[in-house]
C-alpha cells in the first residue's frame, strides 16, 4: 500500500483519525494534527507598515458569479465554470412568473454552488499557515465606486447587472467591473490594517 502524503503529514504528530471511501472508490486518511504546529508564528507576519507602503505585495479578491474570483493585480480571473449559467433558465422562468421567493432561492443556490464559503475558509487557513495577513471586508459599493477617484459613478442596481465594463464620468478611468471591485476591496483591507482592526 502506498501513501500519498500531499500535506507533509510526516512532519507532524498524528492524532485520532479514520479512513473513508468516496463515491469513486478512493480511500482517504482523515487525521488530526496539533493546530499550533500547522500555523505560522504571528511574529513572522510582515509588518503592517510594509503592507501599507506596498514593499510587501497584497491582493484584493472580488468573489462573484460570472467570475468566481477577480483579482486586483494582473492575474486572470477564475472562471465560475457555469455555476450561475446553469441556473439562468430556471431564474428566467421564476422571474416571468413573478415568483420573488423562488428567484431568491435560485440566486442563493448559485452562491452556495459557487463555493464562496469553502473558498474563504481554505484561503484563511492557507494565509494563517503561510504567516500572511488575511481580512474580510465589507464590499458594499465596491462595484459602483471608481477605484481611481473614489466617486460612486459606476453601474447601480439590478438594471446594470449586465454591465461588465464602464468608464468613470468624473476622472475618465476605464474599469472592468470585477477588477475595479477587487481594487476597492484591497483599499478597504489596507484601511482596516491602518486602523489596527483585526478581522477573523
N, C-alpha and C. Protein backbone atom coordinates (compact mmCIF):
# COMPACT_ATOMS: atom_id res chain seq x y z
N UNK A 1 0.85 -1.19 0.00
CA UNK A 1 0.00 0.00 0.00
C UNK A 1 0.89 1.24 0.00
N UNK A 2 0.57 2.19 -0.88
CA UNK A 2 1.35 3.43 -0.93
C UNK A 2 0.53 4.56 -0.31
N UNK A 3 1.22 5.52 0.26
CA UNK A 3 0.56 6.66 0.90
C UNK A 3 1.03 7.93 0.21
N UNK A 4 0.07 8.69 -0.32
CA UNK A 4 0.39 9.98 -0.94
C UNK A 4 0.26 11.05 0.13
N UNK A 5 1.39 11.52 0.60
CA UNK A 5 1.42 12.49 1.69
C UNK A 5 1.48 13.90 1.11
N UNK A 6 0.35 14.37 0.59
CA UNK A 6 0.35 15.66 -0.10
C UNK A 6 0.47 16.85 0.84
N UNK A 7 0.24 16.64 2.14
CA UNK A 7 0.30 17.74 3.10
C UNK A 7 1.50 17.66 4.03
N UNK A 8 2.43 16.76 3.74
CA UNK A 8 3.62 16.67 4.59
C UNK A 8 3.31 16.21 5.99
N UNK A 9 2.39 15.25 6.13
CA UNK A 9 1.98 14.79 7.46
C UNK A 9 3.13 14.15 8.24
N UNK A 10 4.16 13.70 7.52
CA UNK A 10 5.29 13.09 8.19
C UNK A 10 6.00 14.05 9.13
N UNK A 11 5.75 15.34 8.96
CA UNK A 11 6.39 16.34 9.80
C UNK A 11 5.60 16.63 11.08
N UNK A 12 4.43 15.97 11.23
CA UNK A 12 3.56 16.28 12.35
C UNK A 12 3.32 15.07 13.25
N UNK A 13 2.90 15.35 14.46
CA UNK A 13 2.46 14.30 15.37
C UNK A 13 1.01 13.96 15.03
N UNK A 14 0.77 12.74 14.58
CA UNK A 14 -0.57 12.34 14.17
C UNK A 14 -1.39 11.96 15.39
N UNK A 15 -2.67 12.37 15.38
CA UNK A 15 -3.58 12.07 16.48
C UNK A 15 -4.73 11.21 15.97
N UNK A 16 -5.89 11.30 16.59
CA UNK A 16 -7.02 10.45 16.21
C UNK A 16 -7.41 10.69 14.76
N UNK A 17 -7.90 9.64 14.11
CA UNK A 17 -8.31 9.77 12.72
C UNK A 17 -9.14 8.58 12.29
N UNK A 18 -9.49 8.56 11.01
CA UNK A 18 -10.23 7.43 10.45
C UNK A 18 -10.00 7.35 8.95
N UNK A 19 -10.44 6.26 8.36
CA UNK A 19 -10.38 6.08 6.92
C UNK A 19 -11.77 6.29 6.36
N UNK A 20 -11.85 6.84 5.15
CA UNK A 20 -13.14 7.00 4.48
C UNK A 20 -12.98 6.72 3.00
N UNK A 21 -14.07 6.28 2.38
CA UNK A 21 -14.06 5.96 0.95
C UNK A 21 -15.05 6.88 0.25
N UNK A 22 -14.65 7.47 -0.88
CA UNK A 22 -15.57 8.33 -1.61
C UNK A 22 -16.37 7.51 -2.62
N UNK A 23 -17.24 8.19 -3.38
CA UNK A 23 -18.13 7.50 -4.31
C UNK A 23 -17.40 6.85 -5.47
N UNK A 24 -16.15 7.22 -5.70
CA UNK A 24 -15.36 6.62 -6.78
C UNK A 24 -14.47 5.48 -6.30
N UNK A 25 -14.62 5.11 -5.04
CA UNK A 25 -13.84 4.01 -4.50
C UNK A 25 -12.44 4.40 -4.05
N UNK A 26 -12.17 5.71 -3.91
CA UNK A 26 -10.87 6.17 -3.43
C UNK A 26 -10.91 6.28 -1.91
N UNK A 27 -9.82 5.85 -1.30
CA UNK A 27 -9.73 5.87 0.16
C UNK A 27 -8.91 7.04 0.64
N UNK A 28 -9.32 7.61 1.78
CA UNK A 28 -8.63 8.75 2.37
C UNK A 28 -8.39 8.50 3.85
N UNK A 29 -7.27 9.03 4.34
CA UNK A 29 -6.98 9.02 5.76
C UNK A 29 -7.29 10.41 6.29
N UNK A 30 -8.23 10.49 7.21
CA UNK A 30 -8.57 11.76 7.86
C UNK A 30 -7.96 11.73 9.25
N UNK A 31 -7.05 12.66 9.50
CA UNK A 31 -6.33 12.61 10.77
C UNK A 31 -6.16 14.01 11.35
N UNK A 32 -6.19 14.11 12.65
CA UNK A 32 -5.99 15.39 13.33
C UNK A 32 -4.51 15.58 13.64
N UNK A 33 -4.07 16.82 13.52
CA UNK A 33 -2.71 17.18 13.92
C UNK A 33 -2.81 18.39 14.83
N UNK A 34 -1.84 18.62 15.69
CA UNK A 34 -1.91 19.78 16.59
C UNK A 34 -1.98 21.08 15.80
N UNK A 35 -2.92 21.92 16.14
CA UNK A 35 -3.13 23.17 15.43
C UNK A 35 -1.89 24.07 15.47
N UNK A 36 -1.25 24.15 16.62
CA UNK A 36 -0.11 25.07 16.77
C UNK A 36 1.00 24.73 15.79
N UNK A 37 1.17 23.45 15.47
CA UNK A 37 2.28 23.08 14.60
C UNK A 37 2.00 23.37 13.13
N UNK A 38 0.72 23.64 12.81
CA UNK A 38 0.39 23.91 11.41
C UNK A 38 0.30 25.40 11.11
N UNK A 39 0.41 26.23 12.13
CA UNK A 39 0.25 27.66 11.93
C UNK A 39 1.59 28.37 12.04
N UNK A 40 1.77 29.36 11.20
CA UNK A 40 3.00 30.15 11.28
C UNK A 40 2.96 31.03 12.52
N UNK A 41 4.10 31.30 13.09
CA UNK A 41 4.20 32.17 14.26
C UNK A 41 3.75 33.58 13.86
N UNK A 42 2.95 34.22 14.73
CA UNK A 42 2.47 35.58 14.45
C UNK A 42 3.62 36.54 14.18
N UNK A 43 4.77 36.30 14.82
CA UNK A 43 5.89 37.21 14.66
C UNK A 43 6.49 37.15 13.26
N UNK A 44 6.14 36.11 12.49
CA UNK A 44 6.66 36.00 11.14
C UNK A 44 5.83 36.75 10.10
N UNK A 45 4.69 37.27 10.53
CA UNK A 45 3.88 38.05 9.59
C UNK A 45 4.63 39.32 9.20
N UNK A 46 4.46 39.76 7.95
CA UNK A 46 5.08 41.05 7.59
C UNK A 46 4.46 42.18 8.41
N UNK A 47 5.22 43.22 8.61
CA UNK A 47 4.71 44.34 9.39
C UNK A 47 3.59 45.03 8.61
N UNK A 48 2.68 45.65 9.36
CA UNK A 48 1.58 46.37 8.71
C UNK A 48 2.13 47.49 7.84
N UNK A 49 3.18 48.15 8.32
CA UNK A 49 3.79 49.23 7.52
C UNK A 49 4.29 48.75 6.18
N UNK A 50 4.88 47.54 6.14
CA UNK A 50 5.42 47.03 4.87
C UNK A 50 4.30 46.66 3.91
N UNK A 51 3.12 46.32 4.45
CA UNK A 51 1.97 46.04 3.58
C UNK A 51 1.41 47.35 3.05
N UNK A 52 1.29 48.34 3.93
CA UNK A 52 0.70 49.62 3.53
C UNK A 52 1.57 50.40 2.56
N UNK A 53 2.91 50.30 2.72
CA UNK A 53 3.77 51.03 1.78
C UNK A 53 4.07 50.20 0.52
N UNK A 54 3.44 49.02 0.45
CA UNK A 54 3.49 48.14 -0.72
C UNK A 54 4.85 47.53 -0.99
N UNK A 55 5.75 47.56 0.02
CA UNK A 55 7.01 46.84 -0.15
C UNK A 55 6.76 45.33 -0.06
N UNK A 56 5.67 44.94 0.61
CA UNK A 56 5.19 43.56 0.60
C UNK A 56 3.91 43.56 -0.23
N UNK A 57 3.85 42.75 -1.28
CA UNK A 57 2.66 42.78 -2.15
C UNK A 57 1.42 42.26 -1.43
N UNK A 58 0.28 42.79 -1.82
CA UNK A 58 -1.00 42.31 -1.31
C UNK A 58 -2.00 42.31 -2.46
N UNK A 59 -3.10 41.60 -2.28
CA UNK A 59 -4.07 41.46 -3.37
C UNK A 59 -5.48 41.54 -2.81
N UNK A 60 -6.36 42.20 -3.55
CA UNK A 60 -7.79 42.22 -3.24
C UNK A 60 -8.48 41.20 -4.12
N UNK A 61 -9.46 40.50 -3.57
CA UNK A 61 -10.18 39.47 -4.31
C UNK A 61 -11.67 39.77 -4.24
N UNK A 62 -12.31 39.86 -5.42
CA UNK A 62 -13.75 40.06 -5.50
C UNK A 62 -14.39 38.75 -5.94
N UNK A 63 -15.26 38.21 -5.11
CA UNK A 63 -15.95 36.96 -5.44
C UNK A 63 -17.26 37.30 -6.15
N UNK A 64 -17.54 36.57 -7.23
CA UNK A 64 -18.75 36.85 -8.00
C UNK A 64 -19.31 35.60 -8.63
N UNK A 65 -20.35 35.80 -9.45
CA UNK A 65 -20.99 34.68 -10.11
C UNK A 65 -20.51 34.51 -11.54
N UNK A 66 -20.23 35.59 -12.24
CA UNK A 66 -19.70 35.47 -13.61
C UNK A 66 -18.25 35.01 -13.56
N UNK A 67 -17.43 35.74 -12.81
CA UNK A 67 -16.07 35.30 -12.48
C UNK A 67 -16.10 34.87 -11.03
N UNK A 68 -15.67 33.65 -10.76
CA UNK A 68 -15.69 33.17 -9.37
C UNK A 68 -14.85 34.10 -8.50
N UNK A 69 -13.68 34.50 -9.01
CA UNK A 69 -12.83 35.42 -8.27
C UNK A 69 -12.08 36.30 -9.26
N UNK A 70 -12.11 37.61 -9.02
CA UNK A 70 -11.33 38.57 -9.79
C UNK A 70 -10.32 39.20 -8.84
N UNK A 71 -9.15 39.56 -9.37
CA UNK A 71 -8.04 39.99 -8.53
C UNK A 71 -7.61 41.42 -8.86
N UNK A 72 -7.03 42.09 -7.87
CA UNK A 72 -6.61 43.48 -8.06
C UNK A 72 -5.26 43.58 -8.76
N UNK A 73 -4.55 42.46 -8.93
CA UNK A 73 -3.29 42.51 -9.67
C UNK A 73 -3.53 41.99 -11.10
N UNK A 74 -2.48 41.64 -11.81
CA UNK A 74 -2.61 41.31 -13.23
C UNK A 74 -3.01 39.86 -13.52
N UNK A 75 -3.21 39.04 -12.49
CA UNK A 75 -3.54 37.64 -12.77
C UNK A 75 -4.95 37.53 -13.34
N UNK A 76 -5.19 36.55 -14.20
CA UNK A 76 -6.52 36.40 -14.81
C UNK A 76 -7.54 35.93 -13.77
N UNK A 77 -8.81 36.27 -14.00
CA UNK A 77 -9.85 35.84 -13.05
C UNK A 77 -10.06 34.33 -13.11
N UNK A 78 -10.64 33.78 -12.05
CA UNK A 78 -11.02 32.36 -12.03
C UNK A 78 -12.45 32.27 -12.55
N UNK A 79 -12.65 31.48 -13.59
CA UNK A 79 -13.98 31.34 -14.19
C UNK A 79 -14.93 30.63 -13.23
N UNK A 80 -16.18 31.04 -13.24
CA UNK A 80 -17.17 30.42 -12.36
C UNK A 80 -17.64 29.06 -12.88
N UNK A 81 -17.16 28.66 -14.07
CA UNK A 81 -17.45 27.34 -14.64
C UNK A 81 -18.94 27.04 -14.72
N UNK A 82 -19.71 28.07 -15.06
CA UNK A 82 -21.12 27.86 -15.34
C UNK A 82 -22.01 27.65 -14.13
N UNK A 83 -21.51 27.93 -12.91
CA UNK A 83 -22.36 27.73 -11.73
C UNK A 83 -23.68 28.50 -11.89
N UNK A 84 -23.56 29.75 -12.32
CA UNK A 84 -24.74 30.59 -12.43
C UNK A 84 -25.48 30.36 -13.75
N UNK A 85 -24.73 30.16 -14.83
CA UNK A 85 -25.36 29.98 -16.14
C UNK A 85 -26.31 28.80 -16.14
N UNK A 86 -25.98 27.74 -15.42
CA UNK A 86 -26.84 26.56 -15.38
C UNK A 86 -28.20 26.87 -14.74
N UNK A 87 -28.25 27.91 -13.92
CA UNK A 87 -29.49 28.24 -13.23
C UNK A 87 -30.27 29.35 -13.92
N UNK A 88 -29.70 29.96 -14.97
CA UNK A 88 -30.36 31.09 -15.60
C UNK A 88 -31.73 30.76 -16.19
N UNK A 89 -31.91 29.59 -16.87
CA UNK A 89 -33.25 29.29 -17.39
C UNK A 89 -34.30 29.21 -16.28
N UNK A 90 -33.96 28.55 -15.16
CA UNK A 90 -34.90 28.44 -14.05
C UNK A 90 -35.18 29.82 -13.44
N UNK A 91 -34.14 30.65 -13.37
CA UNK A 91 -34.32 32.00 -12.83
C UNK A 91 -35.22 32.82 -13.74
N UNK A 92 -35.03 32.70 -15.06
CA UNK A 92 -35.86 33.44 -16.01
C UNK A 92 -37.32 33.03 -15.89
N UNK A 93 -37.59 31.72 -15.75
CA UNK A 93 -38.97 31.25 -15.60
C UNK A 93 -39.60 31.82 -14.33
N UNK A 94 -38.84 31.82 -13.24
CA UNK A 94 -39.37 32.34 -11.97
C UNK A 94 -39.63 33.84 -12.06
N UNK A 95 -38.78 34.55 -12.80
CA UNK A 95 -38.97 35.99 -12.95
C UNK A 95 -40.21 36.29 -13.79
N UNK A 96 -40.39 35.51 -14.89
CA UNK A 96 -41.58 35.70 -15.73
C UNK A 96 -42.86 35.38 -14.97
N UNK A 97 -42.80 34.40 -14.08
CA UNK A 97 -43.97 34.01 -13.28
C UNK A 97 -44.16 34.90 -12.06
N UNK A 98 -43.29 35.89 -11.92
CA UNK A 98 -43.35 36.83 -10.78
C UNK A 98 -43.36 36.08 -9.45
N UNK A 99 -42.31 35.25 -9.27
CA UNK A 99 -42.15 34.48 -8.05
C UNK A 99 -40.88 34.94 -7.33
N UNK A 100 -40.98 36.03 -6.57
CA UNK A 100 -39.75 36.58 -5.95
C UNK A 100 -39.07 35.62 -4.98
N UNK A 101 -39.87 34.82 -4.24
CA UNK A 101 -39.25 33.87 -3.29
C UNK A 101 -38.43 32.83 -4.04
N UNK A 102 -38.98 32.33 -5.15
CA UNK A 102 -38.26 31.34 -5.95
C UNK A 102 -36.99 31.96 -6.55
N UNK A 103 -37.09 33.21 -7.00
CA UNK A 103 -35.91 33.90 -7.55
C UNK A 103 -34.80 33.99 -6.51
N UNK A 104 -35.18 34.38 -5.28
CA UNK A 104 -34.18 34.49 -4.21
C UNK A 104 -33.56 33.14 -3.89
N UNK A 105 -34.39 32.09 -3.90
CA UNK A 105 -33.87 30.75 -3.60
C UNK A 105 -32.87 30.30 -4.66
N UNK A 106 -33.19 30.57 -5.93
CA UNK A 106 -32.29 30.16 -7.02
C UNK A 106 -30.98 30.94 -6.92
N UNK A 107 -31.08 32.25 -6.66
CA UNK A 107 -29.87 33.06 -6.56
C UNK A 107 -29.02 32.62 -5.38
N UNK A 108 -29.63 32.29 -4.24
CA UNK A 108 -28.87 31.80 -3.07
C UNK A 108 -28.21 30.48 -3.39
N UNK A 109 -28.91 29.61 -4.14
CA UNK A 109 -28.35 28.31 -4.52
C UNK A 109 -27.10 28.51 -5.38
N UNK A 110 -27.15 29.49 -6.29
CA UNK A 110 -26.00 29.71 -7.16
C UNK A 110 -24.79 30.17 -6.38
N UNK A 111 -25.02 30.99 -5.34
CA UNK A 111 -23.91 31.44 -4.50
C UNK A 111 -23.32 30.25 -3.75
N UNK A 112 -24.21 29.40 -3.21
CA UNK A 112 -23.72 28.23 -2.49
C UNK A 112 -22.94 27.31 -3.41
N UNK A 113 -23.46 27.11 -4.63
CA UNK A 113 -22.77 26.24 -5.59
C UNK A 113 -21.40 26.79 -5.95
N UNK A 114 -21.29 28.10 -5.97
CA UNK A 114 -20.01 28.70 -6.33
C UNK A 114 -18.93 28.43 -5.28
N UNK A 115 -19.35 28.02 -4.12
CA UNK A 115 -18.40 27.60 -3.10
C UNK A 115 -17.66 28.73 -2.42
N UNK A 116 -18.29 29.89 -2.30
CA UNK A 116 -17.60 31.01 -1.69
C UNK A 116 -17.16 30.70 -0.27
N UNK A 117 -18.06 30.11 0.48
CA UNK A 117 -17.74 29.84 1.88
C UNK A 117 -16.52 28.92 2.02
N UNK A 118 -16.51 27.86 1.21
CA UNK A 118 -15.37 26.93 1.26
C UNK A 118 -14.09 27.62 0.82
N UNK A 119 -14.19 28.47 -0.19
CA UNK A 119 -13.02 29.20 -0.68
C UNK A 119 -12.45 30.11 0.40
N UNK A 120 -13.33 30.84 1.09
CA UNK A 120 -12.88 31.73 2.16
C UNK A 120 -12.19 30.95 3.28
N UNK A 121 -12.81 29.82 3.64
CA UNK A 121 -12.24 29.00 4.73
C UNK A 121 -10.84 28.52 4.36
N UNK A 122 -10.71 27.99 3.14
CA UNK A 122 -9.40 27.50 2.70
C UNK A 122 -8.38 28.62 2.60
N UNK A 123 -8.82 29.77 2.08
CA UNK A 123 -7.91 30.90 1.94
C UNK A 123 -7.43 31.40 3.30
N UNK A 124 -8.35 31.47 4.26
CA UNK A 124 -7.98 31.90 5.60
C UNK A 124 -6.97 30.94 6.22
N UNK A 125 -7.21 29.64 6.06
CA UNK A 125 -6.30 28.64 6.60
C UNK A 125 -4.92 28.75 5.95
N UNK A 126 -4.89 28.87 4.62
CA UNK A 126 -3.62 28.94 3.91
C UNK A 126 -2.85 30.20 4.29
N UNK A 127 -3.55 31.31 4.47
CA UNK A 127 -2.88 32.54 4.88
C UNK A 127 -2.29 32.41 6.27
N UNK A 128 -3.05 31.79 7.19
CA UNK A 128 -2.54 31.59 8.54
C UNK A 128 -1.33 30.67 8.52
N UNK A 129 -1.39 29.64 7.69
CA UNK A 129 -0.28 28.69 7.59
C UNK A 129 0.97 29.36 7.03
N UNK A 130 0.77 30.27 6.06
CA UNK A 130 1.91 30.95 5.42
C UNK A 130 2.39 32.16 6.22
N UNK A 131 1.63 32.57 7.23
CA UNK A 131 2.04 33.73 8.03
C UNK A 131 1.84 35.04 7.32
N UNK A 132 0.71 35.17 6.62
CA UNK A 132 0.39 36.43 5.93
C UNK A 132 -0.93 36.96 6.45
N UNK A 133 -1.18 38.24 6.23
CA UNK A 133 -2.40 38.88 6.70
C UNK A 133 -3.59 38.43 5.85
N UNK A 134 -4.73 38.22 6.49
CA UNK A 134 -5.98 37.90 5.81
C UNK A 134 -7.08 38.70 6.46
N UNK A 135 -7.91 39.36 5.69
CA UNK A 135 -9.03 40.12 6.24
C UNK A 135 -10.20 40.08 5.28
N UNK A 136 -11.40 39.89 5.81
CA UNK A 136 -12.62 40.04 5.03
C UNK A 136 -13.16 41.43 5.31
N UNK A 137 -13.57 42.13 4.27
CA UNK A 137 -14.07 43.50 4.43
C UNK A 137 -15.46 43.60 3.83
N UNK A 138 -16.17 44.65 4.21
CA UNK A 138 -17.49 44.92 3.65
C UNK A 138 -17.30 45.41 2.22
N UNK A 139 -17.86 44.64 1.26
CA UNK A 139 -17.66 45.01 -0.15
C UNK A 139 -18.76 45.91 -0.69
N UNK A 140 -19.58 46.51 0.19
CA UNK A 140 -20.65 47.39 -0.25
C UNK A 140 -20.10 48.52 -1.13
N UNK A 141 -20.75 48.73 -2.25
CA UNK A 141 -20.43 49.79 -3.21
C UNK A 141 -19.07 49.60 -3.90
N UNK A 142 -18.43 48.44 -3.74
CA UNK A 142 -17.11 48.24 -4.36
C UNK A 142 -17.22 48.21 -5.88
N UNK A 143 -18.37 47.80 -6.42
CA UNK A 143 -18.55 47.78 -7.86
C UNK A 143 -18.84 49.18 -8.39
N UNK A 144 -19.59 49.95 -7.63
CA UNK A 144 -20.03 51.27 -8.09
C UNK A 144 -18.96 52.35 -7.94
N UNK A 145 -18.02 52.16 -7.03
CA UNK A 145 -17.04 53.21 -6.71
C UNK A 145 -15.83 53.10 -7.64
N UNK A 146 -15.45 54.22 -8.23
CA UNK A 146 -14.25 54.26 -9.08
C UNK A 146 -13.03 54.08 -8.18
N UNK A 147 -12.20 53.10 -8.49
CA UNK A 147 -11.02 52.83 -7.66
C UNK A 147 -9.91 53.85 -7.88
N UNK A 148 -10.08 54.76 -8.84
CA UNK A 148 -9.07 55.79 -9.10
C UNK A 148 -9.41 57.07 -8.34
N UNK A 149 -10.67 57.55 -8.48
CA UNK A 149 -11.02 58.84 -7.87
C UNK A 149 -12.03 58.72 -6.74
N UNK A 150 -12.49 57.52 -6.45
CA UNK A 150 -13.43 57.25 -5.35
C UNK A 150 -14.83 57.83 -5.54
N UNK A 151 -15.16 58.26 -6.74
CA UNK A 151 -16.53 58.73 -6.97
C UNK A 151 -17.44 57.53 -7.19
N UNK A 152 -18.64 57.59 -6.65
CA UNK A 152 -19.60 56.48 -6.79
C UNK A 152 -20.40 56.71 -8.07
N UNK A 153 -19.79 56.39 -9.20
CA UNK A 153 -20.38 56.71 -10.50
C UNK A 153 -20.56 55.48 -11.38
N UNK A 154 -20.34 54.29 -10.83
CA UNK A 154 -20.40 53.07 -11.62
C UNK A 154 -21.81 52.51 -11.74
N UNK A 155 -21.91 51.31 -12.36
CA UNK A 155 -23.22 50.68 -12.56
C UNK A 155 -23.93 50.42 -11.23
N UNK A 156 -25.25 50.70 -11.23
CA UNK A 156 -26.02 50.58 -9.99
C UNK A 156 -27.24 49.69 -10.20
N UNK A 157 -27.59 48.96 -9.16
CA UNK A 157 -28.84 48.22 -9.13
C UNK A 157 -28.94 47.07 -10.10
N UNK A 158 -30.11 46.41 -10.09
CA UNK A 158 -30.33 45.24 -10.94
C UNK A 158 -30.27 45.57 -12.42
N UNK A 159 -30.73 46.76 -12.78
CA UNK A 159 -30.78 47.12 -14.20
C UNK A 159 -29.39 47.17 -14.83
N UNK A 160 -28.36 47.37 -14.02
CA UNK A 160 -26.99 47.48 -14.55
C UNK A 160 -26.15 46.23 -14.31
N UNK A 161 -26.78 45.12 -13.89
CA UNK A 161 -26.01 43.91 -13.60
C UNK A 161 -25.26 43.38 -14.81
N UNK A 162 -25.79 43.62 -16.01
CA UNK A 162 -25.14 43.12 -17.22
C UNK A 162 -23.95 43.95 -17.68
N UNK A 163 -23.74 45.10 -17.08
CA UNK A 163 -22.63 45.97 -17.50
C UNK A 163 -21.34 45.43 -16.90
N UNK A 164 -20.43 44.95 -17.74
CA UNK A 164 -19.19 44.34 -17.26
C UNK A 164 -18.03 45.33 -17.26
N UNK A 165 -18.11 46.36 -18.08
CA UNK A 165 -17.06 47.37 -18.13
C UNK A 165 -17.69 48.76 -18.15
N UNK A 166 -17.02 49.74 -17.58
CA UNK A 166 -17.57 51.09 -17.56
C UNK A 166 -16.46 52.13 -17.45
N UNK A 167 -16.79 53.35 -17.84
CA UNK A 167 -15.84 54.46 -17.76
C UNK A 167 -16.35 55.47 -16.75
N UNK A 168 -15.48 55.87 -15.85
CA UNK A 168 -15.86 56.83 -14.81
C UNK A 168 -16.11 58.19 -15.46
N UNK A 169 -17.31 58.77 -15.27
CA UNK A 169 -17.59 60.07 -15.87
C UNK A 169 -16.86 61.22 -15.18
N UNK A 170 -16.27 60.97 -14.02
CA UNK A 170 -15.58 62.03 -13.27
C UNK A 170 -14.12 62.13 -13.69
N UNK A 171 -13.39 60.98 -13.65
CA UNK A 171 -11.95 61.02 -13.96
C UNK A 171 -11.60 60.37 -15.30
N UNK A 172 -12.54 59.68 -15.92
CA UNK A 172 -12.29 59.07 -17.22
C UNK A 172 -11.66 57.69 -17.18
N UNK A 173 -11.38 57.15 -16.00
CA UNK A 173 -10.76 55.83 -15.90
C UNK A 173 -11.71 54.76 -16.44
N UNK A 174 -11.14 53.79 -17.15
CA UNK A 174 -11.92 52.68 -17.71
C UNK A 174 -11.74 51.47 -16.81
N UNK A 175 -12.86 50.83 -16.44
CA UNK A 175 -12.82 49.75 -15.47
C UNK A 175 -13.48 48.48 -15.99
N UNK A 176 -12.90 47.34 -15.63
CA UNK A 176 -13.62 46.07 -15.64
C UNK A 176 -14.37 46.02 -14.31
N UNK A 177 -15.64 45.69 -14.36
CA UNK A 177 -16.48 45.73 -13.16
C UNK A 177 -15.87 44.98 -11.98
N UNK A 178 -15.45 43.73 -12.20
CA UNK A 178 -14.97 42.89 -11.10
C UNK A 178 -13.58 43.28 -10.63
N UNK A 179 -12.71 43.64 -11.57
CA UNK A 179 -11.34 44.05 -11.19
C UNK A 179 -11.38 45.36 -10.42
N UNK A 180 -12.26 46.27 -10.83
CA UNK A 180 -12.42 47.53 -10.08
C UNK A 180 -12.86 47.24 -8.65
N UNK A 181 -13.82 46.30 -8.49
CA UNK A 181 -14.27 45.93 -7.16
C UNK A 181 -13.12 45.34 -6.34
N UNK A 182 -12.27 44.53 -6.97
CA UNK A 182 -11.12 43.94 -6.27
C UNK A 182 -10.16 45.03 -5.79
N UNK A 183 -9.96 46.07 -6.61
CA UNK A 183 -9.11 47.20 -6.20
C UNK A 183 -9.70 47.90 -4.97
N UNK A 184 -11.01 48.08 -4.98
CA UNK A 184 -11.66 48.74 -3.84
C UNK A 184 -11.62 47.87 -2.59
N UNK A 185 -11.73 46.56 -2.77
CA UNK A 185 -11.63 45.64 -1.63
C UNK A 185 -10.23 45.67 -1.04
N UNK A 186 -9.21 45.73 -1.91
CA UNK A 186 -7.83 45.84 -1.42
C UNK A 186 -7.65 47.13 -0.62
N UNK A 187 -8.18 48.23 -1.14
CA UNK A 187 -8.07 49.51 -0.42
C UNK A 187 -8.77 49.45 0.92
N UNK A 188 -9.93 48.78 0.98
CA UNK A 188 -10.65 48.63 2.25
C UNK A 188 -9.83 47.79 3.23
N UNK A 189 -9.16 46.75 2.73
CA UNK A 189 -8.31 45.93 3.57
C UNK A 189 -7.14 46.72 4.12
N UNK A 190 -6.55 47.57 3.30
CA UNK A 190 -5.45 48.42 3.76
C UNK A 190 -5.93 49.40 4.84
N UNK A 191 -7.16 49.92 4.66
CA UNK A 191 -7.70 50.83 5.68
C UNK A 191 -7.89 50.09 7.01
N UNK A 192 -8.36 48.84 6.94
CA UNK A 192 -8.53 48.04 8.14
C UNK A 192 -7.20 47.87 8.87
N UNK A 193 -6.17 47.54 8.11
CA UNK A 193 -4.85 47.37 8.73
C UNK A 193 -4.35 48.67 9.34
N UNK A 194 -4.55 49.77 8.62
CA UNK A 194 -4.08 51.08 9.10
C UNK A 194 -4.79 51.47 10.39
N UNK A 195 -6.07 51.10 10.51
CA UNK A 195 -6.84 51.42 11.71
C UNK A 195 -6.56 50.45 12.85
N UNK A 196 -5.82 49.38 12.55
CA UNK A 196 -5.48 48.41 13.59
C UNK A 196 -6.61 47.49 13.97
N UNK A 197 -7.59 47.31 13.08
CA UNK A 197 -8.72 46.43 13.36
C UNK A 197 -8.40 45.05 12.82
N UNK A 198 -8.37 44.08 13.70
CA UNK A 198 -8.12 42.69 13.30
C UNK A 198 -9.43 42.05 12.89
N UNK A 199 -9.43 41.39 11.76
CA UNK A 199 -10.64 40.74 11.25
C UNK A 199 -10.42 39.24 11.28
N UNK A 200 -11.38 38.45 11.79
CA UNK A 200 -11.19 36.99 11.83
C UNK A 200 -11.15 36.40 10.44
